[in-house]
Amino acid sequence: ISNWPFYPDSIKNMITSTRDNTSKEMEDLEEYEKRMVYYFPIPLIEKESFANKYAAEQKKRLKELGII
């Protein structure tokens, strides 16, 4: 983000803090998934397609916001 001088600090901080929160949420999600897999084994292919779909949605959202 440091190479985005045209972003005001407030937006820069917002994006950074969002990223920090997201990584924490992702850790929580991974822990949750580990527990859920124990109860409800999901086929790996299905899990990967979910991850790809999620990544595509995130990328689309960032494009809409003009971040990428």
C-alpha atoms as a PDB file:
ATOM      1  CA  ILE A   1       0.000   0.000   0.000  1.00  0.00           C
ATOM      2  CA  SER A   2       2.960   2.296   0.609  1.00  0.00           C
ATOM      3  CA  ASN A   3       3.331   2.648  -3.168  1.00  0.00           C
ATOM      4  CA  TRP A   4      -0.109   4.317  -3.367  1.00  0.00           C
ATOM      5  CA  PRO A   5       0.786   7.952  -2.621  1.00  0.00           C
ATOM      6  CA  PHE A   6      -2.475   9.180  -4.141  1.00  0.00           C
ATOM      7  CA  TYR A   7      -4.548   7.524  -1.404  1.00  0.00           C
ATOM      8  CA  PRO A   8      -5.355   9.727   1.592  1.00  0.00           C
ATOM      9  CA  ASP A   9      -4.008   8.371   4.887  1.00  0.00           C
ATOM     10  CA  SER A  10      -7.500   7.685   6.193  1.00  0.00           C
ATOM     11  CA  ILE A  11      -8.241   5.347   3.281  1.00  0.00           C
ATOM     12  CA  LYS A  12      -4.780   3.811   3.530  1.00  0.00           C
ATOM     13  CA  ASN A  13      -5.359   3.100   7.238  1.00  0.00           C
ATOM     14  CA  MET A  14      -8.829   1.783   6.552  1.00  0.00           C
ATOM     15  CA  ILE A  15      -7.509  -0.647   3.946  1.00  0.00           C
ATOM     16  CA  THR A  16      -4.634  -1.713   6.195  1.00  0.00           C
ATOM     17  CA  SER A  17      -6.851  -2.258   9.230  1.00  0.00           C
ATOM     18  CA  THR A  18      -9.336  -4.152   7.063  1.00  0.00           C
ATOM     19  CA  ARG A  19      -6.515  -6.355   5.868  1.00  0.00           C
ATOM     20  CA  ASP A  20      -5.417  -6.996   9.478  1.00  0.00           C
ATOM     21  CA  ASN A  21      -8.968  -7.860  10.496  1.00  0.00           C
ATOM     22  CA  THR A  22      -9.363 -10.063   7.458  1.00  0.00           C
ATOM     23  CA  SER A  23      -6.255 -12.068   8.288  1.00  0.00           C
ATOM     24  CA  LYS A  24      -7.618 -12.583  11.818  1.00  0.00           C
ATOM     25  CA  GLU A  25     -10.996 -13.588  10.386  1.00  0.00           C
ATOM     26  CA  MET A  26      -9.273 -15.957   7.978  1.00  0.00           C
ATOM     27  CA  GLU A  27      -7.416 -17.583  10.898  1.00  0.00           C
ATOM     28  CA  ASP A  28     -10.730 -17.968  12.712  1.00  0.00           C
ATOM     29  CA  LEU A  29     -12.302 -19.365   9.561  1.00  0.00           C
ATOM     30  CA  GLU A  30      -9.464 -21.867   9.147  1.00  0.00           C
ATOM     31  CA  GLU A  31      -9.903 -22.998  12.756  1.00  0.00           C
ATOM     32  CA  TYR A  32     -13.649 -23.260  12.173  1.00  0.00           C
ATOM     33  CA  GLU A  33     -13.095 -25.209   8.952  1.00  0.00           C
ATOM     34  CA  LYS A  34     -10.774 -27.648  10.718  1.00  0.00           C
ATOM     35  CA  ARG A  35     -13.492 -28.337  13.263  1.00  0.00           C
ATOM     36  CA  MET A  36     -16.227 -28.493  10.616  1.00  0.00           C
ATOM     37  CA  VAL A  37     -14.244 -30.901   8.459  1.00  0.00           C
ATOM     38  CA  TYR A  38     -14.148 -33.187  11.472  1.00  0.00           C
ATOM     39  CA  TYR A  39     -17.952 -33.183  11.599  1.00  0.00           C
ATOM     40  CA  PHE A  40     -18.799 -32.694   7.934  1.00  0.00           C
ATOM     41  CA  PRO A  41     -16.008 -33.878   5.624  1.00  0.00           C
ATOM     42  CA  ILE A  42     -16.143 -31.730   2.482  1.00  0.00           C
ATOM     43  CA  PRO A  43     -14.538 -33.147  -0.657  1.00  0.00           C
ATOM     44  CA  LEU A  44     -11.340 -31.237  -1.406  1.00  0.00           C
ATOM     45  CA  ILE A  45     -12.471 -30.329  -4.942  1.00  0.00           C
ATOM     46  CA  GLU A  46     -15.599 -28.676  -3.557  1.00  0.00           C
ATOM     47  CA  LYS A  47     -13.524 -26.775  -1.010  1.00  0.00           C
ATOM     48  CA  GLU A  48     -11.124 -25.526  -3.708  1.00  0.00           C
ATOM     49  CA  SER A  49     -13.954 -24.381  -5.964  1.00  0.00           C
ATOM     50  CA  PHE A  50     -15.415 -22.455  -3.015  1.00  0.00           C
ATOM     51  CA  ALA A  51     -12.037 -20.808  -2.402  1.00  0.00           C
ATOM     52  CA  ASN A  52     -11.685 -19.875  -6.085  1.00  0.00           C
ATOM     53  CA  LYS A  53     -15.213 -18.462  -6.173  1.00  0.00           C
ATOM     54  CA  TYR A  54     -14.514 -16.427  -3.019  1.00  0.00           C
ATOM     55  CA  ALA A  55     -11.224 -15.116  -4.450  1.00  0.00           C
ATOM     56  CA  ALA A  56     -12.957 -14.121  -7.697  1.00  0.00           C
ATOM     57  CA  GLU A  57     -15.660 -12.247  -5.757  1.00  0.00           C
ATOM     58  CA  GLN A  58     -13.028 -10.401  -3.714  1.00  0.00           C
ATOM     59  CA  LYS A  59     -11.112  -9.457  -6.860  1.00  0.00           C
ATOM     60  CA  LYS A  60     -14.314  -8.180  -8.477  1.00  0.00           C
ATOM     61  CA  ARG A  61     -15.112  -6.105  -5.381  1.00  0.00           C
ATOM     62  CA  LEU A  62     -11.613  -4.571  -5.343  1.00  0.00           C
ATOM     63  CA  LYS A  63     -11.945  -3.704  -9.052  1.00  0.00           C
ATOM     64  CA  GLU A  64     -15.314  -2.050  -8.396  1.00  0.00           C
ATOM     65  CA  LEU A  65     -13.723   0.008  -5.617  1.00  0.00           C
ATOM     66  CA  GLY A  66     -10.908   0.946  -8.003  1.00  0.00           C
ATOM     67  CA  ILE A  67      -8.222  -0.504  -5.728  1.00  0.00           C
ATOM     68  CA  ILE A  68      -6.868  -2.851  -8.386  1.00  0.00           C
END
